[in-house]
Amino acid sequence: MIGNGKKDMAVIVVRDADAVTAALREELARAADADRPGLERALALAEALTGVPDAELRGRWAARRITAGGYDGPLDAVAAVKALRQAEPGLGLRQAVQLSREAVAAGQPANP
């Protein structure tokens, strides 16, 4: 086999939005009037994030990992891919390139 021997590793998106919205609904059902506006806003935010595509969630994650080490340039640049692979050594080159593209497509600024 040619290459560096790294196996392709899938980046899995874990979603807790359903559990969060269910918990917020339960809390809202028994909340005091003073607490209701904040819980209603939190529930609306959680519901809005429920339908976000996996690629966007991966892109947001990748943007955070790329910039965590201090990189602040374009998220699809070679240096961004390098920063991502340094932050997450288990990523292969193809995965890092794809994730950096998803970060750009998700509309993430260089400094989220």
PDB file of N, CA and C in Angstrom:
ATOM      1  N   MET A   1       0.834  -1.187   0.000  1.00  0.00           N
ATOM      2  CA  MET A   1       0.000   0.000   0.000  1.00  0.00           C
ATOM      3  C   MET A   1       0.875   1.244   0.000  1.00  0.00           C
ATOM      4  N   ILE A   2       0.502   2.188  -0.812  1.00  0.00           N
ATOM      5  CA  ILE A   2       1.250   3.441  -0.905  1.00  0.00           C
ATOM      6  C   ILE A   2       0.567   4.471  -0.017  1.00  0.00           C
ATOM      7  N   GLY A   3       1.343   5.269   0.639  1.00  0.00           N
ATOM      8  CA  GLY A   3       0.777   6.308   1.498  1.00  0.00           C
ATOM      9  C   GLY A   3       1.408   6.259   2.874  1.00  0.00           C
ATOM     10  N   ASN A   4       0.828   7.006   3.776  1.00  0.00           N
ATOM     11  CA  ASN A   4       1.415   7.092   5.107  1.00  0.00           C
ATOM     12  C   ASN A   4       0.838   6.064   6.075  1.00  0.00           C
ATOM     13  N   GLY A   5      -0.046   5.215   5.608  1.00  0.00           N
ATOM     14  CA  GLY A   5      -0.573   4.156   6.447  1.00  0.00           C
ATOM     15  C   GLY A   5      -1.726   4.553   7.342  1.00  0.00           C
ATOM     16  N   LYS A   6      -2.124   5.814   7.345  1.00  0.00           N
ATOM     17  CA  LYS A   6      -3.254   6.219   8.170  1.00  0.00           C
ATOM     18  C   LYS A   6      -4.541   5.689   7.563  1.00  0.00           C
ATOM     19  N   LYS A   7      -5.352   5.120   8.383  1.00  0.00           N
ATOM     20  CA  LYS A   7      -6.638   4.626   7.914  1.00  0.00           C
ATOM     21  C   LYS A   7      -7.630   5.769   7.870  1.00  0.00           C
ATOM     22  N   ASP A   8      -8.512   5.712   6.876  1.00  0.00           N
ATOM     23  CA  ASP A   8      -9.563   6.722   6.813  1.00  0.00           C
ATOM     24  C   ASP A   8     -10.433   6.589   8.050  1.00  0.00           C
ATOM     25  N   MET A   9     -10.670   7.698   8.678  1.00  0.00           N
ATOM     26  CA  MET A   9     -11.431   7.730   9.909  1.00  0.00           C
ATOM     27  C   MET A   9     -12.587   8.697   9.710  1.00  0.00           C
ATOM     28  N   ALA A  10     -13.774   8.241   9.889  1.00  0.00           N
ATOM     29  CA  ALA A  10     -14.940   9.097   9.697  1.00  0.00           C
ATOM     30  C   ALA A  10     -15.084  10.047  10.875  1.00  0.00           C
ATOM     31  N   VAL A  11     -15.499  11.262  10.587  1.00  0.00           N
ATOM     32  CA  VAL A  11     -15.820  12.218  11.638  1.00  0.00           C
ATOM     33  C   VAL A  11     -17.312  12.087  11.880  1.00  0.00           C
ATOM     34  N   ILE A  12     -17.668  11.691  13.062  1.00  0.00           N
ATOM     35  CA  ILE A  12     -19.058  11.429  13.402  1.00  0.00           C
ATOM     36  C   ILE A  12     -19.665  12.657  14.057  1.00  0.00           C
ATOM     37  N   VAL A  13     -20.842  12.999  13.606  1.00  0.00           N
ATOM     38  CA  VAL A  13     -21.570  14.115  14.194  1.00  0.00           C
ATOM     39  C   VAL A  13     -22.510  13.556  15.246  1.00  0.00           C
ATOM     40  N   VAL A  14     -22.364  14.040  16.462  1.00  0.00           N
ATOM     41  CA  VAL A  14     -23.236  13.621  17.554  1.00  0.00           C
ATOM     42  C   VAL A  14     -24.228  14.736  17.799  1.00  0.00           C
ATOM     43  N   ARG A  15     -25.494  14.375  17.740  1.00  0.00           N
ATOM     44  CA  ARG A  15     -26.546  15.365  17.932  1.00  0.00           C
ATOM     45  C   ARG A  15     -27.282  15.096  19.235  1.00  0.00           C
ATOM     46  N   ASP A  16     -27.384  16.116  20.050  1.00  0.00           N
ATOM     47  CA  ASP A  16     -28.150  16.033  21.287  1.00  0.00           C
ATOM     48  C   ASP A  16     -29.349  16.972  21.240  1.00  0.00           C
ATOM     49  N   ALA A  17     -29.626  17.543  20.089  1.00  0.00           N
ATOM     50  CA  ALA A  17     -30.678  18.551  19.983  1.00  0.00           C
ATOM     51  C   ALA A  17     -32.036  18.008  20.416  1.00  0.00           C
ATOM     52  N   ASP A  18     -32.344  16.766  20.067  1.00  0.00           N
ATOM     53  CA  ASP A  18     -33.638  16.205  20.465  1.00  0.00           C
ATOM     54  C   ASP A  18     -33.752  16.098  21.985  1.00  0.00           C
ATOM     55  N   ALA A  19     -32.705  15.636  22.622  1.00  0.00           N
ATOM     56  CA  ALA A  19     -32.715  15.515  24.081  1.00  0.00           C
ATOM     57  C   ALA A  19     -32.780  16.884  24.744  1.00  0.00           C
ATOM     58  N   VAL A  20     -32.058  17.840  24.183  1.00  0.00           N
ATOM     59  CA  VAL A  20     -32.059  19.193  24.740  1.00  0.00           C
ATOM     60  C   VAL A  20     -33.436  19.828  24.599  1.00  0.00           C
ATOM     61  N   THR A  21     -34.041  19.713  23.420  1.00  0.00           N
ATOM     62  CA  THR A  21     -35.362  20.316  23.244  1.00  0.00           C
ATOM     63  C   THR A  21     -36.404  19.639  24.125  1.00  0.00           C
ATOM     64  N   ALA A  22     -36.307  18.334  24.301  1.00  0.00           N
ATOM     65  CA  ALA A  22     -37.253  17.633  25.184  1.00  0.00           C
ATOM     66  C   ALA A  22     -37.099  18.112  26.621  1.00  0.00           C
ATOM     67  N   ALA A  23     -35.867  18.257  27.070  1.00  0.00           N
ATOM     68  CA  ALA A  23     -35.626  18.737  28.436  1.00  0.00           C
ATOM     69  C   ALA A  23     -36.119  20.166  28.614  1.00  0.00           C
ATOM     70  N   LEU A  24     -35.913  21.000  27.620  1.00  0.00           N
ATOM     71  CA  LEU A  24     -36.391  22.384  27.707  1.00  0.00           C
ATOM     72  C   LEU A  24     -37.917  22.448  27.730  1.00  0.00           C
ATOM     73  N   ARG A  25     -38.567  21.602  26.935  1.00  0.00           N
ATOM     74  CA  ARG A  25     -40.035  21.570  26.940  1.00  0.00           C
ATOM     75  C   ARG A  25     -40.568  21.152  28.314  1.00  0.00           C
ATOM     76  N   GLU A  26     -39.937  20.133  28.909  1.00  0.00           N
ATOM     77  CA  GLU A  26     -40.353  19.682  30.235  1.00  0.00           C
ATOM     78  C   GLU A  26     -40.185  20.794  31.268  1.00  0.00           C
ATOM     79  N   GLU A  27     -39.054  21.458  31.205  1.00  0.00           N
ATOM     80  CA  GLU A  27     -38.785  22.537  32.160  1.00  0.00           C
ATOM     81  C   GLU A  27     -39.749  23.702  31.949  1.00  0.00           C
ATOM     82  N   LEU A  28     -40.037  24.005  30.704  1.00  0.00           N
ATOM     83  CA  LEU A  28     -40.959  25.087  30.379  1.00  0.00           C
ATOM     84  C   LEU A  28     -42.361  24.783  30.886  1.00  0.00           C
ATOM     85  N   ALA A  29     -42.760  23.526  30.832  1.00  0.00           N
ATOM     86  CA  ALA A  29     -44.096  23.132  31.274  1.00  0.00           C
ATOM     87  C   ALA A  29     -44.308  23.385  32.763  1.00  0.00           C
ATOM     88  N   ARG A  30     -43.246  23.355  33.541  1.00  0.00           N
ATOM     89  CA  ARG A  30     -43.403  23.553  34.982  1.00  0.00           C
ATOM     90  C   ARG A  30     -42.729  24.830  35.488  1.00  0.00           C
ATOM     91  N   ALA A  31     -42.319  25.689  34.565  1.00  0.00           N
ATOM     92  CA  ALA A  31     -41.577  26.893  34.933  1.00  0.00           C
ATOM     93  C   ALA A  31     -42.479  27.979  35.502  1.00  0.00           C
ATOM     94  N   ALA A  32     -41.912  28.768  36.363  1.00  0.00           N
ATOM     95  CA  ALA A  32     -42.590  29.957  36.904  1.00  0.00           C
ATOM     96  C   ALA A  32     -42.651  31.012  35.803  1.00  0.00           C
ATOM     97  N   ASP A  33     -43.586  31.913  35.924  1.00  0.00           N
ATOM     98  CA  ASP A  33     -43.767  32.953  34.900  1.00  0.00           C
ATOM     99  C   ASP A  33     -42.495  33.749  34.652  1.00  0.00           C
ATOM    100  N   ALA A  34     -41.718  34.005  35.681  1.00  0.00           N
ATOM    101  CA  ALA A  34     -40.494  34.787  35.532  1.00  0.00           C
ATOM    102  C   ALA A  34     -39.436  34.056  34.692  1.00  0.00           C
ATOM    103  N   ASP A  35     -39.463  32.737  34.724  1.00  0.00           N
ATOM    104  CA  ASP A  35     -38.468  31.939  33.994  1.00  0.00           C
ATOM    105  C   ASP A  35     -38.889  31.612  32.565  1.00  0.00           C
ATOM    106  N   ARG A  36     -40.143  31.776  32.251  1.00  0.00           N
ATOM    107  CA  ARG A  36     -40.672  31.355  30.948  1.00  0.00           C
ATOM    108  C   ARG A  36     -40.015  32.049  29.750  1.00  0.00           C
ATOM    109  N   PRO A  37     -39.827  33.367  29.767  1.00  0.00           N
ATOM    110  CA  PRO A  37     -39.237  34.003  28.568  1.00  0.00           C
ATOM    111  C   PRO A  37     -37.862  33.435  28.202  1.00  0.00           C
ATOM    112  N   GLY A  38     -37.015  33.231  29.187  1.00  0.00           N
ATOM    113  CA  GLY A  38     -35.686  32.689  28.912  1.00  0.00           C
ATOM    114  C   GLY A  38     -35.744  31.264  28.398  1.00  0.00           C
ATOM    115  N   LEU A  39     -36.614  30.456  28.996  1.00  0.00           N
ATOM    116  CA  LEU A  39     -36.757  29.073  28.545  1.00  0.00           C
ATOM    117  C   LEU A  39     -37.370  28.997  27.150  1.00  0.00           C
ATOM    118  N   GLU A  40     -38.307  29.880  26.863  1.00  0.00           N
ATOM    119  CA  GLU A  40     -38.909  29.906  25.526  1.00  0.00           C
ATOM    120  C   GLU A  40     -37.863  30.270  24.476  1.00  0.00           C
ATOM    121  N   ARG A  41     -36.996  31.224  24.805  1.00  0.00           N
ATOM    122  CA  ARG A  41     -35.929  31.624  23.873  1.00  0.00           C
ATOM    123  C   ARG A  41     -34.943  30.469  23.677  1.00  0.00           C
ATOM    124  N   ALA A  42     -34.568  29.816  24.777  1.00  0.00           N
ATOM    125  CA  ALA A  42     -33.644  28.682  24.684  1.00  0.00           C
ATOM    126  C   ALA A  42     -34.245  27.554  23.846  1.00  0.00           C
ATOM    127  N   LEU A  43     -35.524  27.291  24.035  1.00  0.00           N
ATOM    128  CA  LEU A  43     -36.202  26.247  23.262  1.00  0.00           C
ATOM    129  C   LEU A  43     -36.220  26.604  21.778  1.00  0.00           C
ATOM    130  N   ALA A  44     -36.496  27.856  21.467  1.00  0.00           N
ATOM    131  CA  ALA A  44     -36.510  28.292  20.064  1.00  0.00           C
ATOM    132  C   ALA A  44     -35.132  28.119  19.423  1.00  0.00           C
ATOM    133  N   LEU A  45     -34.076  28.454  20.147  1.00  0.00           N
ATOM    134  CA  LEU A  45     -32.716  28.283  19.623  1.00  0.00           C
ATOM    135  C   LEU A  45     -32.387  26.813  19.399  1.00  0.00           C
ATOM    136  N   ALA A  46     -32.735  25.970  20.359  1.00  0.00           N
ATOM    137  CA  ALA A  46     -32.461  24.535  20.231  1.00  0.00           C
ATOM    138  C   ALA A  46     -33.230  23.949  19.052  1.00  0.00           C
ATOM    139  N   GLU A  47     -34.488  24.349  18.877  1.00  0.00           N
ATOM    140  CA  GLU A  47     -35.287  23.845  17.756  1.00  0.00           C
ATOM    141  C   GLU A  47     -34.716  24.309  16.424  1.00  0.00           C
ATOM    142  N   ALA A  48     -34.176  25.528  16.378  1.00  0.00           N
ATOM    143  CA  ALA A  48     -33.600  26.044  15.140  1.00  0.00           C
ATOM    144  C   ALA A  48     -32.364  25.249  14.729  1.00  0.00           C
ATOM    145  N   LEU A  49     -31.634  24.735  15.696  1.00  0.00           N
ATOM    146  CA  LEU A  49     -30.419  23.982  15.394  1.00  0.00           C
ATOM    147  C   LEU A  49     -30.678  22.517  15.091  1.00  0.00           C
ATOM    148  N   THR A  50     -31.877  22.056  15.327  1.00  0.00           N
ATOM    149  CA  THR A  50     -32.197  20.648  15.109  1.00  0.00           C
ATOM    150  C   THR A  50     -32.024  20.247  13.653  1.00  0.00           C
ATOM    151  N   GLY A  51     -32.360  21.108  12.709  1.00  0.00           N
ATOM    152  CA  GLY A  51     -32.308  20.755  11.295  1.00  0.00           C
ATOM    153  C   GLY A  51     -31.015  21.103  10.589  1.00  0.00           C
ATOM    154  N   VAL A  52     -29.984  21.496  11.321  1.00  0.00           N
ATOM    155  CA  VAL A  52     -28.722  21.860  10.688  1.00  0.00           C
ATOM    156  C   VAL A  52     -28.078  20.608  10.085  1.00  0.00           C
ATOM    157  N   PRO A  53     -27.678  20.670   8.813  1.00  0.00           N
ATOM    158  CA  PRO A  53     -27.060  19.503   8.165  1.00  0.00           C
ATOM    159  C   PRO A  53     -25.742  19.098   8.837  1.00  0.00           C
ATOM    160  N   ASP A  54     -25.432  17.811   8.761  1.00  0.00           N
ATOM    161  CA  ASP A  54     -24.194  17.297   9.354  1.00  0.00           C
ATOM    162  C   ASP A  54     -22.965  18.009   8.815  1.00  0.00           C
ATOM    163  N   ALA A  55     -22.944  18.304   7.521  1.00  0.00           N
ATOM    164  CA  ALA A  55     -21.781  18.966   6.926  1.00  0.00           C
ATOM    165  C   ALA A  55     -21.546  20.332   7.560  1.00  0.00           C
ATOM    166  N   GLU A  56     -22.610  21.038   7.888  1.00  0.00           N
ATOM    167  CA  GLU A  56     -22.457  22.348   8.537  1.00  0.00           C
ATOM    168  C   GLU A  56     -21.910  22.185   9.953  1.00  0.00           C
ATOM    169  N   LEU A  57     -22.399  21.185  10.673  1.00  0.00           N
ATOM    170  CA  LEU A  57     -21.883  20.939  12.022  1.00  0.00           C
ATOM    171  C   LEU A  57     -20.403  20.558  11.975  1.00  0.00           C
ATOM    172  N   ARG A  58     -20.038  19.706  11.003  1.00  0.00           N
ATOM    173  CA  ARG A  58     -18.624  19.351  10.852  1.00  0.00           C
ATOM    174  C   ARG A  58     -17.799  20.578  10.492  1.00  0.00           C
ATOM    175  N   GLY A  59     -18.341  21.431   9.623  1.00  0.00           N
ATOM    176  CA  GLY A  59     -17.635  22.648   9.231  1.00  0.00           C
ATOM    177  C   GLY A  59     -17.407  23.584  10.400  1.00  0.00           C
ATOM    178  N   ARG A  60     -18.414  23.740  11.237  1.00  0.00           N
ATOM    179  CA  ARG A  60     -18.255  24.586  12.434  1.00  0.00           C
ATOM    180  C   ARG A  60     -17.184  24.017  13.356  1.00  0.00           C
ATOM    181  N   TRP A  61     -17.236  22.692  13.549  1.00  0.00           N
ATOM    182  CA  TRP A  61     -16.243  22.035  14.391  1.00  0.00           C
ATOM    183  C   TRP A  61     -14.846  22.243  13.816  1.00  0.00           C
ATOM    184  N   ALA A  62     -14.707  22.017  12.522  1.00  0.00           N
ATOM    185  CA  ALA A  62     -13.400  22.154  11.878  1.00  0.00           C
ATOM    186  C   ALA A  62     -12.883  23.584  12.010  1.00  0.00           C
ATOM    187  N   ALA A  63     -13.743  24.569  11.822  1.00  0.00           N
ATOM    188  CA  ALA A  63     -13.319  25.967  11.950  1.00  0.00           C
ATOM    189  C   ALA A  63     -12.809  26.254  13.359  1.00  0.00           C
ATOM    190  N   ARG A  64     -13.497  25.716  14.357  1.00  0.00           N
ATOM    191  CA  ARG A  64     -13.044  25.921  15.744  1.00  0.00           C
ATOM    192  C   ARG A  64     -11.693  25.253  15.980  1.00  0.00           C
ATOM    193  N   ARG A  65     -11.517  24.041  15.446  1.00  0.00           N
ATOM    194  CA  ARG A  65     -10.250  23.335  15.640  1.00  0.00           C
ATOM    195  C   ARG A  65      -9.111  24.020  14.882  1.00  0.00           C
ATOM    196  N   ILE A  66      -9.404  24.521  13.677  1.00  0.00           N
ATOM    197  CA  ILE A  66      -8.377  25.206  12.879  1.00  0.00           C
ATOM    198  C   ILE A  66      -7.898  26.462  13.586  1.00  0.00           C
ATOM    199  N   THR A  67      -8.814  27.229  14.126  1.00  0.00           N
ATOM    200  CA  THR A  67      -8.452  28.513  14.737  1.00  0.00           C
ATOM    201  C   THR A  67      -7.987  28.386  16.191  1.00  0.00           C
ATOM    202  N   ALA A  68      -8.218  27.237  16.809  1.00  0.00           N
ATOM    203  CA  ALA A  68      -7.846  27.067  18.219  1.00  0.00           C
ATOM    204  C   ALA A  68      -6.346  27.255  18.459  1.00  0.00           C
ATOM    205  N   GLY A  69      -5.556  26.883  17.493  1.00  0.00           N
ATOM    206  CA  GLY A  69      -4.110  27.006  17.639  1.00  0.00           C
ATOM    207  C   GLY A  69      -3.553  28.346  17.215  1.00  0.00           C
ATOM    208  N   GLY A  70      -4.419  29.280  16.857  1.00  0.00           N
ATOM    209  CA  GLY A  70      -3.963  30.609  16.492  1.00  0.00           C
ATOM    210  C   GLY A  70      -3.985  30.912  15.004  1.00  0.00           C
ATOM    211  N   TYR A  71      -4.349  29.952  14.151  1.00  0.00           N
ATOM    212  CA  TYR A  71      -4.423  30.215  12.712  1.00  0.00           C
ATOM    213  C   TYR A  71      -5.613  31.122  12.444  1.00  0.00           C
ATOM    214  N   ASP A  72      -5.408  32.181  11.641  1.00  0.00           N
ATOM    215  CA  ASP A  72      -6.510  33.106  11.378  1.00  0.00           C
ATOM    216  C   ASP A  72      -6.657  33.474   9.903  1.00  0.00           C
ATOM    217  N   GLY A  73      -6.139  32.650   9.036  1.00  0.00           N
ATOM    218  CA  GLY A  73      -6.252  32.900   7.608  1.00  0.00           C
ATOM    219  C   GLY A  73      -7.459  32.201   7.005  1.00  0.00           C
ATOM    220  N   PRO A  74      -7.499  32.089   5.681  1.00  0.00           N
ATOM    221  CA  PRO A  74      -8.605  31.417   5.003  1.00  0.00           C
ATOM    222  C   PRO A  74      -8.711  29.956   5.444  1.00  0.00           C
ATOM    223  N   LEU A  75      -9.926  29.516   5.683  1.00  0.00           N
ATOM    224  CA  LEU A  75     -10.146  28.189   6.244  1.00  0.00           C
ATOM    225  C   LEU A  75      -9.910  27.053   5.253  1.00  0.00           C
ATOM    226  N   ASP A  76      -9.785  27.365   3.967  1.00  0.00           N
ATOM    227  CA  ASP A  76      -9.517  26.310   2.993  1.00  0.00           C
ATOM    228  C   ASP A  76      -8.096  26.382   2.432  1.00  0.00           C
ATOM    229  N   ALA A  77      -7.244  27.122   3.100  1.00  0.00           N
ATOM    230  CA  ALA A  77      -5.848  27.230   2.672  1.00  0.00           C
ATOM    231  C   ALA A  77      -5.058  26.015   3.139  1.00  0.00           C
ATOM    232  N   VAL A  78      -3.928  25.792   2.510  1.00  0.00           N
ATOM    233  CA  VAL A  78      -3.057  24.686   2.894  1.00  0.00           C
ATOM    234  C   VAL A  78      -2.669  24.806   4.368  1.00  0.00           C
ATOM    235  N   ALA A  79      -2.391  26.016   4.824  1.00  0.00           N
ATOM    236  CA  ALA A  79      -2.015  26.220   6.229  1.00  0.00           C
ATOM    237  C   ALA A  79      -3.161  25.862   7.172  1.00  0.00           C
ATOM    238  N   ALA A  80      -4.394  26.072   6.737  1.00  0.00           N
ATOM    239  CA  ALA A  80      -5.554  25.703   7.560  1.00  0.00           C
ATOM    240  C   ALA A  80      -5.654  24.187   7.681  1.00  0.00           C
ATOM    241  N   VAL A  81      -5.435  23.496   6.577  1.00  0.00           N
ATOM    242  CA  VAL A  81      -5.457  22.032   6.596  1.00  0.00           C
ATOM    243  C   VAL A  81      -4.357  21.517   7.519  1.00  0.00           C
ATOM    244  N   LYS A  82      -3.187  22.130   7.441  1.00  0.00           N
ATOM    245  CA  LYS A  82      -2.079  21.742   8.315  1.00  0.00           C
ATOM    246  C   LYS A  82      -2.442  21.991   9.778  1.00  0.00           C
ATOM    247  N   ALA A  83      -3.037  23.143  10.069  1.00  0.00           N
ATOM    248  CA  ALA A  83      -3.441  23.454  11.449  1.00  0.00           C
ATOM    249  C   ALA A  83      -4.471  22.446  11.958  1.00  0.00           C
ATOM    250  N   LEU A  84      -5.399  22.049  11.102  1.00  0.00           N
ATOM    251  CA  LEU A  84      -6.410  21.071  11.492  1.00  0.00           C
ATOM    252  C   LEU A  84      -5.776  19.712  11.776  1.00  0.00           C
ATOM    253  N   ARG A  85      -4.850  19.313  10.943  1.00  0.00           N
ATOM    254  CA  ARG A  85      -4.189  18.014  11.150  1.00  0.00           C
ATOM    255  C   ARG A  85      -3.292  18.029  12.381  1.00  0.00           C
ATOM    256  N   GLN A  86      -2.749  19.192  12.715  1.00  0.00           N
ATOM    257  CA  GLN A  86      -1.966  19.289  13.947  1.00  0.00           C
ATOM    258  C   GLN A  86      -2.876  19.226  15.166  1.00  0.00           C
ATOM    259  N   ALA A  87      -4.047  19.858  15.053  1.00  0.00           N
ATOM    260  CA  ALA A  87      -5.008  19.837  16.162  1.00  0.00           C
ATOM    261  C   ALA A  87      -5.630  18.462  16.333  1.00  0.00           C
ATOM    262  N   GLU A  88      -5.812  17.749  15.230  1.00  0.00           N
ATOM    263  CA  GLU A  88      -6.436  16.421  15.222  1.00  0.00           C
ATOM    264  C   GLU A  88      -5.540  15.459  14.441  1.00  0.00           C
ATOM    265  N   PRO A  89      -4.484  14.940  15.073  1.00  0.00           N
ATOM    266  CA  PRO A  89      -3.501  14.110  14.364  1.00  0.00           C
ATOM    267  C   PRO A  89      -4.070  12.859  13.710  1.00  0.00           C
ATOM    268  N   GLY A  90      -5.210  12.385  14.133  1.00  0.00           N
ATOM    269  CA  GLY A  90      -5.795  11.186  13.545  1.00  0.00           C
ATOM    270  C   GLY A  90      -6.439  11.412  12.194  1.00  0.00           C
ATOM    271  N   LEU A  91      -6.592  12.662  11.783  1.00  0.00           N
ATOM    272  CA  LEU A  91      -7.216  12.942  10.492  1.00  0.00           C
ATOM    273  C   LEU A  91      -6.243  12.703   9.351  1.00  0.00           C
ATOM    274  N   GLY A  92      -6.745  12.084   8.304  1.00  0.00           N
ATOM    275  CA  GLY A  92      -5.967  11.948   7.089  1.00  0.00           C
ATOM    276  C   GLY A  92      -6.021  13.241   6.293  1.00  0.00           C
ATOM    277  N   LEU A  93      -5.176  13.339   5.303  1.00  0.00           N
ATOM    278  CA  LEU A  93      -5.119  14.544   4.489  1.00  0.00           C
ATOM    279  C   LEU A  93      -6.443  14.813   3.783  1.00  0.00           C
ATOM    280  N   ARG A  94      -7.023  13.770   3.177  1.00  0.00           N
ATOM    281  CA  ARG A  94      -8.298  13.955   2.472  1.00  0.00           C
ATOM    282  C   ARG A  94      -9.397  14.445   3.403  1.00  0.00           C
ATOM    283  N   GLN A  95      -9.458  13.859   4.589  1.00  0.00           N
ATOM    284  CA  GLN A  95     -10.489  14.280   5.544  1.00  0.00           C
ATOM    285  C   GLN A  95     -10.287  15.721   5.977  1.00  0.00           C
ATOM    286  N   ALA A  96      -9.044  16.099   6.241  1.00  0.00           N
ATOM    287  CA  ALA A  96      -8.764  17.466   6.667  1.00  0.00           C
ATOM    288  C   ALA A  96      -9.120  18.466   5.569  1.00  0.00           C
ATOM    289  N   VAL A  97      -8.820  18.119   4.334  1.00  0.00           N
ATOM    290  CA  VAL A  97      -9.177  18.998   3.206  1.00  0.00           C
ATOM    291  C   VAL A  97     -10.697  19.132   3.112  1.00  0.00           C
ATOM    292  N   GLN A  98     -11.403  18.006   3.204  1.00  0.00           N
ATOM    293  CA  GLN A  98     -12.865  18.042   3.133  1.00  0.00           C
ATOM    294  C   GLN A  98     -13.451  18.862   4.281  1.00  0.00           C
ATOM    295  N   LEU A  99     -12.935  18.671   5.472  1.00  0.00           N
ATOM    296  CA  LEU A  99     -13.440  19.420   6.630  1.00  0.00           C
ATOM    297  C   LEU A  99     -13.170  20.912   6.500  1.00  0.00           C
ATOM    298  N   SER A 100     -12.021  21.282   5.954  1.00  0.00           N
ATOM    299  CA  SER A 100     -11.736  22.710   5.770  1.00  0.00           C
ATOM    300  C   SER A 100     -12.675  23.307   4.723  1.00  0.00           C
ATOM    301  N   ARG A 101     -13.015  22.527   3.700  1.00  0.00           N
ATOM    302  CA  ARG A 101     -13.993  22.994   2.702  1.00  0.00           C
ATOM    303  C   ARG A 101     -15.376  23.144   3.329  1.00  0.00           C
ATOM    304  N   GLU A 102     -15.740  22.196   4.208  1.00  0.00           N
ATOM    305  CA  GLU A 102     -17.025  22.291   4.889  1.00  0.00           C
ATOM    306  C   GLU A 102     -17.058  23.499   5.822  1.00  0.00           C
ATOM    307  N   ALA A 103     -15.921  23.858   6.406  1.00  0.00           N
ATOM    308  CA  ALA A 103     -15.859  25.056   7.246  1.00  0.00           C
ATOM    309  C   ALA A 103     -16.146  26.306   6.422  1.00  0.00           C
ATOM    310  N   VAL A 104     -15.588  26.360   5.227  1.00  0.00           N
ATOM    311  CA  VAL A 104     -15.851  27.500   4.342  1.00  0.00           C
ATOM    312  C   VAL A 104     -17.316  27.514   3.923  1.00  0.00           C
ATOM    313  N   ALA A 105     -17.834  26.352   3.525  1.00  0.00           N
ATOM    314  CA  ALA A 105     -19.223  26.269   3.070  1.00  0.00           C
ATOM    315  C   ALA A 105     -20.212  26.610   4.182  1.00  0.00           C
ATOM    316  N   ALA A 106     -19.814  26.324   5.424  1.00  0.00           N
ATOM    317  CA  ALA A 106     -20.683  26.638   6.558  1.00  0.00           C
ATOM    318  C   ALA A 106     -20.669  28.126   6.866  1.00  0.00           C
ATOM    319  N   GLY A 107     -19.844  28.863   6.144  1.00  0.00           N
ATOM    320  CA  GLY A 107     -19.806  30.310   6.331  1.00  0.00           C
ATOM    321  C   GLY A 107     -19.092  30.727   7.602  1.00  0.00           C
ATOM    322  N   GLN A 108     -18.164  29.896   8.064  1.00  0.00           N
ATOM    323  CA  GLN A 108     -17.462  30.215   9.288  1.00  0.00           C
ATOM    324  C   GLN A 108     -16.384  31.242   9.003  1.00  0.00           C
ATOM    325  N   PRO A 109     -16.344  32.310   9.792  1.00  0.00           N
ATOM    326  CA  PRO A 109     -15.273  33.290   9.627  1.00  0.00           C
ATOM    327  C   PRO A 109     -13.948  32.699  10.088  1.00  0.00           C
ATOM    328  N   ALA A 110     -12.858  33.352   9.760  1.00  0.00           N
ATOM    329  CA  ALA A 110     -11.543  32.858  10.164  1.00  0.00           C
ATOM    330  C   ALA A 110     -11.409  32.813  11.671  1.00  0.00           C
ATOM    331  N   ASN A 111     -12.119  33.657  12.382  1.00  0.00           N
ATOM    332  CA  ASN A 111     -12.057  33.687  13.842  1.00  0.00           C
ATOM    333  C   ASN A 111     -13.450  33.542  14.424  1.00  0.00           C
ATOM    334  N   PRO A 112     -14.032  32.295  14.474  1.00  0.00           N
ATOM    335  CA  PRO A 112     -15.392  32.132  14.997  1.00  0.00           C
ATOM    336  C   PRO A 112     -15.474  32.373  16.471  1.00  0.00           C
TER     337      PRO A 112
END
